[in-house]
C-alpha atoms as a PDB file:
ATOM      1  CA  MET A   1     -51.389  24.131 -35.861  1.00  0.00           C
ATOM      2  CA  ASN A   2     -50.304  20.519 -36.138  1.00  0.00           C
ATOM      3  CA  GLN A   3     -46.837  21.635 -37.157  1.00  0.00           C
ATOM      4  CA  SER A   4     -46.606  23.819 -34.041  1.00  0.00           C
ATOM      5  CA  ILE A   5     -47.576  20.909 -31.772  1.00  0.00           C
ATOM      6  CA  LEU A   6     -45.085  18.606 -33.513  1.00  0.00           C
ATOM      7  CA  ALA A   7     -42.320  21.174 -33.126  1.00  0.00           C
ATOM      8  CA  LEU A   8     -43.139  21.544 -29.428  1.00  0.00           C
ATOM      9  CA  VAL A   9     -43.017  17.765 -28.885  1.00  0.00           C
ATOM     10  CA  LEU A  10     -39.664  17.524 -30.665  1.00  0.00           C
ATOM     11  CA  ALA A  11     -38.300  20.396 -28.569  1.00  0.00           C
ATOM     12  CA  VAL A  12     -39.381  18.695 -25.327  1.00  0.00           C
ATOM     13  CA  GLN A  13     -37.760  15.427 -26.435  1.00  0.00           C
ATOM     14  CA  LEU A  14     -34.552  17.240 -27.332  1.00  0.00           C
ATOM     15  CA  ILE A  15     -34.452  18.957 -23.939  1.00  0.00           C
ATOM     16  CA  ALA A  16     -34.987  15.606 -22.195  1.00  0.00           C
ATOM     17  CA  ILE A  17     -32.155  13.972 -24.143  1.00  0.00           C
ATOM     18  CA  VAL A  18     -29.763  16.837 -23.427  1.00  0.00           C
ATOM     19  CA  THR A  19     -30.672  16.756 -19.716  1.00  0.00           C
ATOM     20  CA  ILE A  20     -30.038  13.005 -19.426  1.00  0.00           C
ATOM     21  CA  TRP A  21     -26.667  13.251 -21.155  1.00  0.00           C
ATOM     22  CA  GLY A  22     -25.765  16.227 -19.005  1.00  0.00           C
ATOM     23  CA  LEU A  23     -26.452  14.263 -15.850  1.00  0.00           C
ATOM     24  CA  ARG A  24     -24.280  11.383 -17.062  1.00  0.00           C
ATOM     25  CA  LEU A  25     -21.428  13.662 -18.013  1.00  0.00           C
ATOM     26  CA  GLY A  26     -21.794  15.422 -14.671  1.00  0.00           C
ATOM     27  CA  GLY A  27     -20.520  12.321 -12.877  1.00  0.00           C
ATOM     28  CA  ASP A  28     -23.704  11.017 -11.233  1.00  0.00           C
ATOM     29  CA  ASP A  29     -22.957   7.643 -12.799  1.00  0.00           C
ATOM     30  CA  GLN A  30     -19.330   7.487 -11.695  1.00  0.00           C
ATOM     31  CA  PRO A  31     -17.978   4.684  -9.454  1.00  0.00           C
ATOM     32  CA  ASP A  32     -17.192   5.396  -5.831  1.00  0.00           C
ATOM     33  CA  PRO A  33     -13.500   5.505  -4.752  1.00  0.00           C
ATOM     34  CA  PHE A  34     -12.238   2.229  -3.294  1.00  0.00           C
ATOM     35  CA  LEU A  35     -10.845   3.827  -0.108  1.00  0.00           C
ATOM     36  CA  THR A  36     -11.647   7.162   1.498  1.00  0.00           C
ATOM     37  CA  PHE A  37      -9.609   8.274   4.510  1.00  0.00           C
ATOM     38  CA  ASN A  38      -7.171  10.983   5.517  1.00  0.00           C
ATOM     39  CA  ALA A  39      -3.614   9.630   5.272  1.00  0.00           C
ATOM     40  CA  SER A  40      -2.365  11.900   8.064  1.00  0.00           C
ATOM     41  CA  SER A  41      -4.862  10.394  10.503  1.00  0.00           C
ATOM     42  CA  VAL A  42      -3.392   6.875  10.298  1.00  0.00           C
ATOM     43  CA  ASP A  43      -1.651   5.831  13.536  1.00  0.00           C
ATOM     44  CA  VAL A  44      -1.147   2.081  13.047  1.00  0.00           C
ATOM     45  CA  VAL A  45      -0.374   0.018   9.955  1.00  0.00           C
ATOM     46  CA  THR A  46      -0.684  -3.762  10.170  1.00  0.00           C
ATOM     47  CA  ILE A  47       0.386  -6.011   7.289  1.00  0.00           C
ATOM     48  CA  GLU A  48       0.156  -9.794   7.247  1.00  0.00           C
ATOM     49  CA  ASP A  49       0.327 -12.785   4.960  1.00  0.00           C
ATOM     50  CA  SER A  50      -0.195 -16.486   5.627  1.00  0.00           C
ATOM     51  CA  GLU A  51       3.074 -16.785   7.565  1.00  0.00           C
ATOM     52  CA  SER A  52       3.957 -13.476   9.197  1.00  0.00           C
ATOM     53  CA  ARG A  53       2.581 -10.203  10.501  1.00  0.00           C
ATOM     54  CA  ILE A  54       4.125  -6.814  11.183  1.00  0.00           C
ATOM     55  CA  THR A  55       2.820  -3.710  12.930  1.00  0.00           C
ATOM     56  CA  ILE A  56       4.112  -0.175  12.384  1.00  0.00           C
ATOM     57  CA  ALA A  57       2.851   2.477  14.809  1.00  0.00           C
ATOM     58  CA  ARG A  58       3.200   6.236  14.945  1.00  0.00           C
ATOM     59  CA  GLU A  59       4.957   7.428  18.103  1.00  0.00           C
ATOM     60  CA  ASN A  60       5.713  11.124  18.653  1.00  0.00           C
ATOM     61  CA  ASP A  61       5.582  11.904  14.922  1.00  0.00           C
ATOM     62  CA  ALA A  62       7.833   8.933  14.088  1.00  0.00           C
ATOM     63  CA  TRP A  63       7.000   5.490  12.726  1.00  0.00           C
ATOM     64  CA  MET A  64       8.237   2.605  14.900  1.00  0.00           C
ATOM     65  CA  LEU A  65       8.394  -1.144  14.352  1.00  0.00           C
ATOM     66  CA  ASP A  66       7.648  -3.824  16.926  1.00  0.00           C
ATOM     67  CA  GLY A  67      10.481  -3.835  19.441  1.00  0.00           C
ATOM     68  CA  GLY A  68      11.125  -0.109  19.218  1.00  0.00           C
ATOM     69  CA  LEU A  69      13.150   0.016  15.988  1.00  0.00           C
ATOM     70  CA  PRO A  70      12.614   3.116  13.794  1.00  0.00           C
ATOM     71  CA  ALA A  71      10.831   2.452  10.508  1.00  0.00           C
ATOM     72  CA  ASP A  72      11.525   4.171   7.201  1.00  0.00           C
ATOM     73  CA  ALA A  73       9.077   7.067   7.609  1.00  0.00           C
ATOM     74  CA  ASP A  74       9.196   8.079   3.936  1.00  0.00           C
ATOM     75  CA  LYS A  75       8.252   4.575   2.833  1.00  0.00           C
ATOM     76  CA  VAL A  76       5.426   4.228   5.361  1.00  0.00           C
ATOM     77  CA  ASP A  77       3.990   7.630   4.439  1.00  0.00           C
ATOM     78  CA  ARG A  78       4.269   6.826   0.737  1.00  0.00           C
ATOM     79  CA  VAL A  79       2.353   3.549   1.091  1.00  0.00           C
ATOM     80  CA  VAL A  80      -0.337   5.065   3.325  1.00  0.00           C
ATOM     81  CA  GLU A  81      -0.812   7.993   0.943  1.00  0.00           C
ATOM     82  CA  LYS A  82      -1.039   5.665  -2.023  1.00  0.00           C
ATOM     83  CA  LEU A  83      -3.776   3.619  -0.382  1.00  0.00           C
ATOM     84  CA  ALA A  84      -5.634   6.745   0.754  1.00  0.00           C
ATOM     85  CA  ASN A  85      -5.877   7.831  -2.879  1.00  0.00           C
ATOM     86  CA  ALA A  86      -6.684   4.375  -4.272  1.00  0.00           C
ATOM     87  CA  LYS A  87      -9.348   4.490  -6.970  1.00  0.00           C
ATOM     88  CA  GLY A  88     -10.959   1.161  -7.741  1.00  0.00           C
ATOM     89  CA  GLY A  89     -13.008   2.187 -10.765  1.00  0.00           C
ATOM     90  CA  TRP A  90     -15.705  -0.331 -11.618  1.00  0.00           C
ATOM     91  CA  PRO A  91     -15.737  -3.795  -9.942  1.00  0.00           C
ATOM     92  CA  VAL A  92     -13.899  -6.534 -11.830  1.00  0.00           C
ATOM     93  CA  ALA A  93     -15.506  -9.520 -10.086  1.00  0.00           C
ATOM     94  CA  THR A  94     -18.411 -10.351  -7.806  1.00  0.00           C
ATOM     95  CA  THR A  95     -18.671 -14.168  -7.692  1.00  0.00           C
ATOM     96  CA  ASP A  96     -17.157 -16.320  -4.942  1.00  0.00           C
ATOM     97  CA  SER A  97     -15.232 -18.475  -7.430  1.00  0.00           C
ATOM     98  CA  THR A  98     -13.608 -15.435  -9.010  1.00  0.00           C
ATOM     99  CA  MET A  99     -12.695 -13.964  -5.621  1.00  0.00           C
ATOM    100  CA  ALA A 100     -10.927 -17.208  -4.746  1.00  0.00           C
ATOM    101  CA  ARG A 101      -9.091 -17.182  -8.074  1.00  0.00           C
ATOM    102  CA  PHE A 102      -7.971 -13.614  -7.425  1.00  0.00           C
ATOM    103  CA  GLU A 103      -6.914 -14.623  -3.862  1.00  0.00           C
ATOM    104  CA  VAL A 104      -8.927 -12.041  -1.936  1.00  0.00           C
ATOM    105  CA  THR A 105     -10.937 -14.213   0.488  1.00  0.00           C
ATOM    106  CA  GLN A 106     -10.798 -14.927   4.219  1.00  0.00           C
ATOM    107  CA  ASP A 107      -9.105 -18.265   3.507  1.00  0.00           C
ATOM    108  CA  LEU A 108      -6.827 -17.183   0.694  1.00  0.00           C
ATOM    109  CA  TYR A 109      -5.078 -13.838   0.321  1.00  0.00           C
ATOM    110  CA  GLN A 110      -1.559 -12.613  -0.380  1.00  0.00           C
ATOM    111  CA  ARG A 111      -1.697  -9.598   1.927  1.00  0.00           C
ATOM    112  CA  ARG A 112      -4.082  -8.168   4.472  1.00  0.00           C
ATOM    113  CA  ILE A 113      -3.578  -4.506   5.323  1.00  0.00           C
ATOM    114  CA  THR A 114      -5.287  -2.800   8.252  1.00  0.00           C
ATOM    115  CA  LEU A 115      -5.043   0.953   8.830  1.00  0.00           C
ATOM    116  CA  THR A 116      -6.349   2.458  12.072  1.00  0.00           C
ATOM    117  CA  ALA A 117      -6.535   5.861  13.756  1.00  0.00           C
ATOM    118  CA  VAL A 118      -6.557   5.439  17.548  1.00  0.00           C
ATOM    119  CA  ASP A 119      -9.552   3.055  17.873  1.00  0.00           C
ATOM    120  CA  GLU A 120     -11.153   3.817  14.495  1.00  0.00           C
ATOM    121  CA  MET A 121     -10.806   1.397  11.597  1.00  0.00           C
ATOM    122  CA  LEU A 122      -9.924   3.354   8.451  1.00  0.00           C
ATOM    123  CA  ALA A 123      -9.241   0.477   6.070  1.00  0.00           C
ATOM    124  CA  ASP A 124      -9.148  -3.311   6.205  1.00  0.00           C
ATOM    125  CA  ILE A 125      -8.443  -4.906   2.828  1.00  0.00           C
ATOM    126  CA  PHE A 126      -7.167  -8.037   1.125  1.00  0.00           C
ATOM    127  CA  LEU A 127      -4.568  -7.868  -1.652  1.00  0.00           C
ATOM    128  CA  GLY A 128      -4.374 -10.747  -4.095  1.00  0.00           C
ATOM    129  CA  THR A 129      -3.135 -11.443  -7.601  1.00  0.00           C
ATOM    130  CA  SER A 130      -1.995  -8.882 -10.138  1.00  0.00           C
ATOM    131  CA  PRO A 131      -4.054  -8.196 -13.285  1.00  0.00           C
ATOM    132  CA  GLY A 132      -1.209  -6.239 -14.849  1.00  0.00           C
ATOM    133  CA  TYR A 133       1.813  -4.026 -14.310  1.00  0.00           C
ATOM    134  CA  ARG A 134       1.661  -2.095 -11.011  1.00  0.00           C
ATOM    135  CA  LYS A 135      -1.936  -3.149 -10.338  1.00  0.00           C
ATOM    136  CA  ILE A 136      -3.392  -5.511  -7.763  1.00  0.00           C
ATOM    137  CA  HIS A 137      -6.723  -7.177  -7.135  1.00  0.00           C
ATOM    138  CA  THR A 138      -8.205  -6.042  -3.835  1.00  0.00           C
ATOM    139  CA  ARG A 139     -11.345  -6.356  -1.764  1.00  0.00           C
ATOM    140  CA  HIS A 140     -12.651  -5.070   1.547  1.00  0.00           C
ATOM    141  CA  VAL A 141     -12.396  -7.670   4.317  1.00  0.00           C
ATOM    142  CA  SER A 142     -15.979  -6.843   5.271  1.00  0.00           C
ATOM    143  CA  GLY A 143     -17.138  -8.055   1.859  1.00  0.00           C
ATOM    144  CA  GLY A 144     -18.153  -6.657  -1.500  1.00  0.00           C
ATOM    145  CA  PRO A 145     -16.800  -7.017  -5.048  1.00  0.00           C
ATOM    146  CA  VAL A 146     -13.206  -7.192  -6.250  1.00  0.00           C
ATOM    147  CA  TYR A 147     -11.480  -4.093  -7.610  1.00  0.00           C
ATOM    148  CA  ALA A 148      -8.121  -3.424  -9.261  1.00  0.00           C
ATOM    149  CA  ILE A 149      -6.046  -0.581  -7.803  1.00  0.00           C
ATOM    150  CA  VAL A 150      -2.609   0.846  -8.524  1.00  0.00           C
ATOM    151  CA  PHE A 151      -0.447  -0.960  -5.953  1.00  0.00           C
ATOM    152  CA  SER A 152       1.883  -3.967  -5.649  1.00  0.00           C
ATOM    153  CA  ASN A 153       2.337  -6.644  -3.003  1.00  0.00           C
ATOM    154  CA  TYR A 154       6.067  -5.953  -2.868  1.00  0.00           C
ATOM    155  CA  GLU A 155       5.248  -2.511  -1.486  1.00  0.00           C
ATOM    156  CA  ALA A 156       3.651  -4.184   1.533  1.00  0.00           C
ATOM    157  CA  GLY A 157       6.340  -6.465   2.941  1.00  0.00           C
ATOM    158  CA  THR A 158       5.704  -8.451   6.122  1.00  0.00           C
ATOM    159  CA  LYS A 159       9.262  -8.504   7.502  1.00  0.00           C
ATOM    160  CA  LYS A 160      11.028  -5.916   9.659  1.00  0.00           C
ATOM    161  CA  SER A 161      13.840  -5.749   7.121  1.00  0.00           C
ATOM    162  CA  ASP A 162      11.309  -4.455   4.582  1.00  0.00           C
ATOM    163  CA  TRP A 163      10.522  -1.418   6.739  1.00  0.00           C
ATOM    164  CA  ILE A 164      13.474  -0.679   9.014  1.00  0.00           C
ATOM    165  CA  ASP A 165      15.162   2.688   8.660  1.00  0.00           C
ATOM    166  CA  LYS A 166      18.311   1.767   6.690  1.00  0.00           C
ATOM    167  CA  SER A 167      20.142   4.829   8.028  1.00  0.00           C
ATOM    168  CA  LEU A 168      20.590   2.870  11.283  1.00  0.00           C
ATOM    169  CA  LEU A 169      23.167   0.769   9.433  1.00  0.00           C
ATOM    170  CA  GLN A 170      25.270   3.767   8.448  1.00  0.00           C
ATOM    171  CA  PRO A 171      28.402   4.307  10.594  1.00  0.00           C
ATOM    172  CA  ASP A 172      28.553   7.303  12.913  1.00  0.00           C
ATOM    173  CA  GLY A 173      31.998   8.716  12.160  1.00  0.00           C
ATOM    174  CA  GLU A 174      35.022   7.151  10.487  1.00  0.00           C
ATOM    175  CA  ILE A 175      35.416   3.364  10.395  1.00  0.00           C
ATOM    176  CA  VAL A 176      38.769   2.419  11.917  1.00  0.00           C
ATOM    177  CA  SER A 177      38.356  -1.328  12.386  1.00  0.00           C
ATOM    178  CA  ILE A 178      36.187  -4.285  11.382  1.00  0.00           C
ATOM    179  CA  THR A 179      36.139  -7.465  13.454  1.00  0.00           C
ATOM    180  CA  ARG A 180      34.651 -10.844  12.611  1.00  0.00           C
ATOM    181  CA  SER A 181      34.472 -13.316  15.456  1.00  0.00           C
ATOM    182  CA  SER A 182      33.368 -16.951  15.651  1.00  0.00           C
ATOM    183  CA  THR A 183      34.081 -20.051  17.718  1.00  0.00           C
ATOM    184  CA  GLU A 184      36.381 -21.427  15.007  1.00  0.00           C
ATOM    185  CA  THR A 185      37.994 -18.609  13.075  1.00  0.00           C
ATOM    186  CA  GLY A 186      38.107 -14.856  13.160  1.00  0.00           C
ATOM    187  CA  TRP A 187      39.857 -11.866  11.681  1.00  0.00           C
ATOM    188  CA  THR A 188      40.340  -8.156  12.301  1.00  0.00           C
ATOM    189  CA  LEU A 189      40.845  -5.319   9.809  1.00  0.00           C
ATOM    190  CA  SER A 190      42.357  -2.107  11.152  1.00  0.00           C
ATOM    191  CA  ALA A 191      42.835   1.242   9.409  1.00  0.00           C
ATOM    192  CA  THR A 192      46.460   2.517   9.295  1.00  0.00           C
ATOM    193  CA  GLU A 193      48.236   5.299   7.448  1.00  0.00           C
ATOM    194  CA  GLY A 194      49.445   2.729   4.913  1.00  0.00           C
ATOM    195  CA  GLY A 195      46.021   1.201   4.332  1.00  0.00           C
ATOM    196  CA  TRP A 196      43.929  -1.549   5.863  1.00  0.00           C
ATOM    197  CA  LEU A 197      45.858  -4.032   8.031  1.00  0.00           C
ATOM    198  CA  ALA A 198      44.715  -7.653   8.318  1.00  0.00           C
ATOM    199  CA  GLY A 199      46.788  -9.196  11.107  1.00  0.00           C
ATOM    200  CA  ASN A 200      50.331  -8.312  10.036  1.00  0.00           C
ATOM    201  CA  VAL A 201      49.485  -7.948   6.353  1.00  0.00           C
ATOM    202  CA  THR A 202      48.706  -4.551   4.803  1.00  0.00           C
ATOM    203  CA  LEU A 203      45.978  -4.765   2.181  1.00  0.00           C
END
């Protein structure tokens, strides 16, 4: 009789252990993703550092810079998609001193990125120092711990030249002349059958 009771107790304990491990393996103890939003819903991307700020907005299915210049749509989409899928894992820091050292505070940050859809805020984050190759320390502007995500500050430039559609610089048709003008000196290159002509000299 005692052996039967002991066997029953051991069986209950074994079932409890298996259940607990099953719950852990099932993902109930997994960290939440750092960002959760639909990349296709983003309408405005704002990036700033301590000196400059740039805004890229979606207009008629195209990305445009301030002043009406077309942005590199592939690059904008790539960055937005990368942030939409950012997984922070477990926090890497929670103290104020560490946040300052990682440069993800209101007073000290390397980048601040804001993503909005119409009037809805989808993401507002600080980017700071790098803990390793292709990773960056980050934190929500609203507060919370510091995480490390797969991203780099160089991917989030704050100048128009970082985002402008480079195809705008490509010539439309054949180049037949190049002119450099200034108040002091100047020169003109012209295409001829014999080659490029600089003044009266064929190059």
